[in-house]
Protein backbone atom coordinates (compact mmCIF):
# COMPACT_ATOMS: atom_id res chain seq x y z
CA UNK A 1 95.48 24.09 33.47
CA UNK A 2 96.04 27.66 34.62
CA UNK A 3 94.19 27.53 37.93
CA UNK A 4 96.92 29.62 39.63
CA UNK A 5 98.40 31.41 36.63
CA UNK A 6 100.92 34.14 37.47
CA UNK A 7 100.71 33.50 41.21
CA UNK A 8 103.90 33.25 43.27
CA UNK A 9 103.68 30.34 45.70
CA UNK A 10 105.94 29.43 48.62
CA UNK A 11 105.81 25.82 49.77
CA UNK A 12 107.64 24.89 52.97
CA UNK A 13 108.82 21.32 53.30
CA UNK A 14 108.60 21.14 49.52
CA UNK A 15 111.23 18.47 48.88
CA UNK A 16 109.28 15.29 49.60
CA UNK A 17 105.81 13.83 50.03
CA UNK A 18 102.86 16.20 50.12
CA UNK A 19 105.14 19.22 49.71
CA UNK A 20 106.73 17.84 46.56
CA UNK A 21 103.37 16.89 45.04
CA UNK A 22 102.06 20.37 45.85
CA UNK A 23 105.03 22.13 44.24
CA UNK A 24 104.69 20.10 41.05
CA UNK A 25 100.92 20.60 40.84
CA UNK A 26 101.01 24.34 41.52
CA UNK A 27 103.69 24.74 38.86
CA UNK A 28 101.68 22.67 36.38
CA UNK A 29 98.70 24.97 37.03
CA UNK A 30 100.70 28.10 36.28
CA UNK A 31 102.27 29.22 39.55
CA UNK A 32 105.84 30.37 40.02
CA UNK A 33 107.03 28.14 42.86
CA UNK A 34 109.51 28.84 45.65
CA UNK A 35 110.47 25.39 46.92
CA UNK A 36 111.84 25.56 50.47
CA UNK A 37 113.16 22.81 52.74
CA UNK A 38 116.15 21.74 54.80
CA UNK A 39 116.70 18.82 52.39
CA UNK A 40 118.69 20.58 49.71
CA UNK A 41 119.33 17.83 47.19
CA UNK A 42 115.73 16.58 46.84
CA UNK A 43 114.52 20.19 46.99
CA UNK A 44 116.73 21.13 44.06
CA UNK A 45 115.47 18.02 42.25
CA UNK A 46 111.89 19.29 42.54
CA UNK A 47 112.95 22.60 40.99
CA UNK A 48 114.69 20.82 38.12
CA UNK A 49 111.60 18.71 37.49
CA UNK A 50 109.44 21.84 37.33
CA UNK A 51 111.86 23.60 35.00
CA UNK A 52 112.16 20.54 32.77
CA UNK A 53 108.37 20.62 32.35
CA UNK A 54 108.53 24.28 31.32
CA UNK A 55 107.64 25.84 34.67
CA UNK A 56 109.39 28.46 36.75
CA UNK A 57 110.78 27.65 40.19
CA UNK A 58 113.73 28.18 42.52
CA UNK A 59 114.94 26.55 45.71
CA UNK A 60 115.81 28.10 49.05
CA UNK A 61 117.19 26.30 52.11
CA UNK A 62 114.83 27.16 54.96
CA UNK A 63 114.52 26.06 58.56
CA UNK A 64 111.07 27.38 59.46
CA UNK A 65 111.83 27.25 63.18
CA UNK A 66 114.27 30.18 62.80
CA UNK A 67 112.51 33.50 62.35
CA UNK A 68 115.50 35.40 61.02
CA UNK A 69 115.98 32.74 58.35
CA UNK A 70 112.30 32.90 57.39
CA UNK A 71 112.48 36.69 57.15
CA UNK A 72 115.58 36.58 54.93
CA UNK A 73 114.31 33.83 52.63
CA UNK A 74 110.89 35.40 52.16
CA UNK A 75 112.51 38.74 51.33
CA UNK A 76 114.74 36.98 48.79
CA UNK A 77 111.73 35.24 47.23
CA UNK A 78 109.88 38.53 46.87
CA UNK A 79 112.95 40.12 45.30
CA UNK A 80 113.37 37.20 42.90
CA UNK A 81 109.75 36.80 41.86
CA UNK A 82 108.24 40.22 42.63
CA UNK A 83 105.43 39.16 44.97
CA UNK A 84 104.05 36.48 47.27
CA UNK A 85 100.46 35.35 46.61
CA UNK A 86 100.30 31.83 48.05
CA UNK A 87 101.88 30.30 51.16
CA UNK A 88 101.62 26.58 51.87
CA UNK A 89 102.76 25.91 55.44
CA UNK A 90 103.59 22.25 54.93
CA UNK A 91 106.87 21.78 56.83
CA UNK A 92 106.43 19.57 59.88
CA UNK A 93 107.81 16.72 61.95
CA UNK A 94 106.03 14.02 63.95
CA UNK A 95 108.28 13.66 66.99
CA UNK A 96 108.30 11.48 70.08
CA UNK A 97 105.82 8.59 70.18
CA UNK A 98 105.53 7.89 73.90
CA UNK A 99 102.97 8.63 76.62
CA UNK A 100 102.93 12.29 77.71
CA UNK A 101 104.53 11.59 81.09
CA UNK A 102 107.60 10.13 79.33
CA UNK A 103 108.19 13.02 76.92
CA UNK A 104 110.95 15.49 77.69
CA UNK A 105 110.68 19.25 77.47
CA UNK A 106 113.20 19.24 74.62
CA UNK A 107 111.14 16.72 72.64
CA UNK A 108 107.98 18.75 73.15
CA UNK A 109 109.69 22.00 72.17
CA UNK A 110 111.21 20.45 69.04
CA UNK A 111 107.77 19.67 67.60
CA UNK A 112 106.31 23.07 68.45
CA UNK A 113 109.35 24.88 67.03
CA UNK A 114 108.67 23.48 63.55
CA UNK A 115 104.97 22.64 63.45
CA UNK A 116 103.61 25.70 65.29
CA UNK A 117 106.26 28.43 65.42
CA UNK A 118 107.13 27.64 61.81
CA UNK A 119 103.56 28.35 60.71
CA UNK A 120 103.55 31.54 62.78
CA UNK A 121 106.88 32.81 61.41
CA UNK A 122 106.02 32.06 57.78
CA UNK A 123 102.59 33.64 58.06
CA UNK A 124 104.05 36.69 59.80
CA UNK A 125 106.55 37.31 57.03
CA UNK A 126 104.22 36.49 54.13
CA UNK A 127 101.36 38.77 55.15
CA UNK A 128 103.04 42.13 54.34
CA UNK A 129 103.82 40.94 50.81
CA UNK A 130 100.31 39.60 50.37
CA UNK A 131 98.85 42.89 51.53
CA UNK A 132 101.02 44.70 49.01
CA UNK A 133 99.78 42.32 46.30
CA UNK A 134 96.16 43.00 47.21
CA UNK A 135 95.48 39.65 48.85
CA UNK A 136 96.55 36.05 48.97
CA UNK A 137 95.93 32.55 50.21
CA UNK A 138 97.59 30.77 53.14
CA UNK A 139 97.10 27.01 53.43
CA UNK A 140 98.19 25.41 56.70
CA UNK A 141 98.81 21.68 56.91
CA UNK A 142 97.22 20.37 60.07
CA UNK A 143 96.10 16.73 60.33
CA UNK A 144 93.17 14.56 61.30
CA UNK A 145 95.08 14.57 64.58
CA UNK A 146 94.33 18.27 64.82
CA UNK A 147 90.66 17.24 64.96
CA UNK A 148 90.57 13.98 66.92
CA UNK A 149 92.68 12.23 69.54
CA UNK A 150 94.65 9.01 69.43
CA UNK A 151 97.02 7.28 71.85
CA UNK A 152 100.20 8.19 70.01
CA UNK A 153 102.62 11.11 69.36
CA UNK A 154 101.11 13.52 71.94
CA UNK A 155 103.18 16.59 70.96
CA UNK A 156 102.13 16.14 67.33
CA UNK A 157 98.44 16.10 68.25
CA UNK A 158 98.84 19.22 70.36
CA UNK A 159 100.79 21.01 67.65
CA UNK A 160 98.34 20.18 64.87
CA UNK A 161 95.45 21.25 67.07
CA UNK A 162 97.22 24.56 67.58
CA UNK A 163 97.61 24.97 63.82
CA UNK A 164 93.88 24.39 63.36
CA UNK A 165 92.95 27.27 65.69
CA UNK A 166 95.75 29.54 64.51
CA UNK A 167 94.24 29.16 61.05
CA UNK A 168 90.82 30.37 62.18
CA UNK A 169 92.25 33.31 64.11
CA UNK A 170 94.42 34.41 61.20
CA UNK A 171 91.48 34.02 58.81
CA UNK A 172 89.52 36.54 60.85
CA UNK A 173 92.42 38.96 61.25
CA UNK A 174 93.30 39.11 57.57
CA UNK A 175 89.92 38.74 55.84
CA UNK A 176 89.72 42.51 55.41
CA UNK A 177 93.04 42.39 53.54
CA UNK A 178 91.80 39.84 51.04
CA UNK A 179 94.00 37.17 52.57
CA UNK A 180 92.30 33.80 53.03
CA UNK A 181 93.64 31.30 55.57
CA UNK A 182 92.50 27.66 55.60
CA UNK A 183 93.70 24.38 57.03
CA UNK A 184 94.03 20.95 55.40
CA UNK A 185 93.67 17.81 57.51
CA UNK A 186 95.12 14.71 55.85
CA UNK A 187 94.62 11.19 57.12
CA UNK A 188 97.19 8.49 56.40
CA UNK A 189 99.02 9.51 53.23
CA UNK A 190 101.63 7.28 51.62
CA UNK A 191 104.62 9.53 52.02
CA UNK A 192 108.21 8.42 52.55
CA UNK A 193 107.65 8.84 56.29
CA UNK A 194 104.66 6.48 56.38
CA UNK A 195 106.46 3.93 54.21
CA UNK A 196 109.40 4.01 56.63
CA UNK A 197 107.06 3.56 59.60
CA UNK A 198 105.55 0.54 57.85
CA UNK A 199 108.95 -1.00 57.16
CA UNK A 200 110.08 -0.47 60.76
CA UNK A 201 106.86 -1.63 62.44
CA UNK A 202 107.08 -4.74 64.66
CA UNK A 203 104.27 -6.41 62.70
CA UNK A 204 106.05 -5.99 59.37
CA UNK A 205 105.25 -3.95 56.28
CA UNK A 206 102.38 -6.05 54.92
CA UNK A 207 100.52 -6.31 58.22
CA UNK A 208 101.01 -2.62 58.91
CA UNK A 209 99.58 -1.69 55.53
CA UNK A 210 96.64 -4.08 55.92
CA UNK A 211 95.82 -2.27 59.16
CA UNK A 212 95.98 1.11 57.39
CA UNK A 213 93.64 -0.21 54.71
CA UNK A 214 91.11 -1.47 57.25
CA UNK A 215 90.76 1.78 59.19
CA UNK A 216 89.84 3.84 56.11
CA UNK A 217 86.27 3.33 54.86
CA UNK A 218 87.52 4.00 51.34
CA UNK A 219 89.79 0.95 51.74
CA UNK A 220 93.30 2.36 51.45
CA UNK A 221 95.52 5.27 52.50
CA UNK A 222 95.78 8.37 50.35
CA UNK A 223 98.55 9.59 48.07
CA UNK A 224 100.35 12.95 48.23
CA UNK A 225 98.58 14.13 45.08
CA UNK A 226 95.21 13.69 46.82
CA UNK A 227 96.21 16.35 49.33
CA UNK A 228 97.92 18.51 46.72
CA UNK A 229 94.66 18.88 44.79
CA UNK A 230 92.92 20.11 47.95
CA UNK A 231 95.71 22.63 48.51
CA UNK A 232 95.46 23.77 44.90
CA UNK A 233 91.75 24.45 45.32
CA UNK A 234 92.27 26.52 48.47
CA UNK A 235 95.17 28.40 46.89
CA UNK A 236 93.20 29.27 43.76
CA UNK A 237 90.57 31.95 43.21
CA UNK A 238 88.01 29.14 42.97
CA UNK A 239 88.02 29.29 46.78
CA UNK A 240 87.55 33.07 46.94
CA UNK A 241 84.70 32.72 49.50
CA UNK A 242 86.48 30.10 51.61
CA UNK A 243 88.41 31.17 54.69
CA UNK A 244 88.83 29.77 58.19
CA UNK A 245 87.73 26.39 56.85
CA UNK A 246 88.97 22.84 57.49
CA UNK A 247 89.41 20.61 54.45
CA UNK A 248 89.56 17.00 55.63
CA UNK A 249 91.21 14.56 53.20
CA UNK A 250 91.17 11.24 55.03
CA UNK A 251 89.31 8.55 53.09
CA UNK A 252 86.40 8.77 55.51
CA UNK A 253 88.42 8.05 58.66
CA UNK A 254 86.95 10.84 60.78
CA UNK A 255 83.42 10.15 59.49
CA UNK A 256 83.28 6.97 61.57
């Protein structure tokens, strides 16, 4: 307990999956949590769960692809809570799953608007508050598909690769300000999105999940809390000498 006591944390895409698990864990470890998402009802539910457990949190509707909205929400969070110490850039979408030559410009731009520009906008508008606070931690959610290739969702791969290198660049820029910037690279994590993909797969849920089990040396996909604990470490002062790093949480998938 208390690993991020008295820190103010913003989590984008905080309503479901990895974002939800991260909000709950950060709050349990002492952070004041700004839960942001475009899914208002489940986002508010996360806040209520935190408050019920004795934590402090509030919800803001936020589309990270819109800079003016990011600017306004981050200003409101700082006014409400007094500072910004932690930013978890978790919001993201997966997008079109077709060969590159079949993907439209609009489909490509839609992924980059959220997964890349969203990280840029949120970082841009968190940094001044972190500087004022004397430092901070930014954790960007990339993916194993920001490290390796695969014959699926080409815009997603490109976007997550961009996030990986944005992380390193920002880490160098802001090290002198005491702001650490790191990326997390999850493998298959059993979020609502993955469960839906399994249910909708041509092979059926059971066969899909058996395939997911086989490709991970550890024998099964991960859970949102597995990633949340990695984010907690990077957000905390335990990682005070860690910046520009890649934390891979993938059950051994990329070790093969």
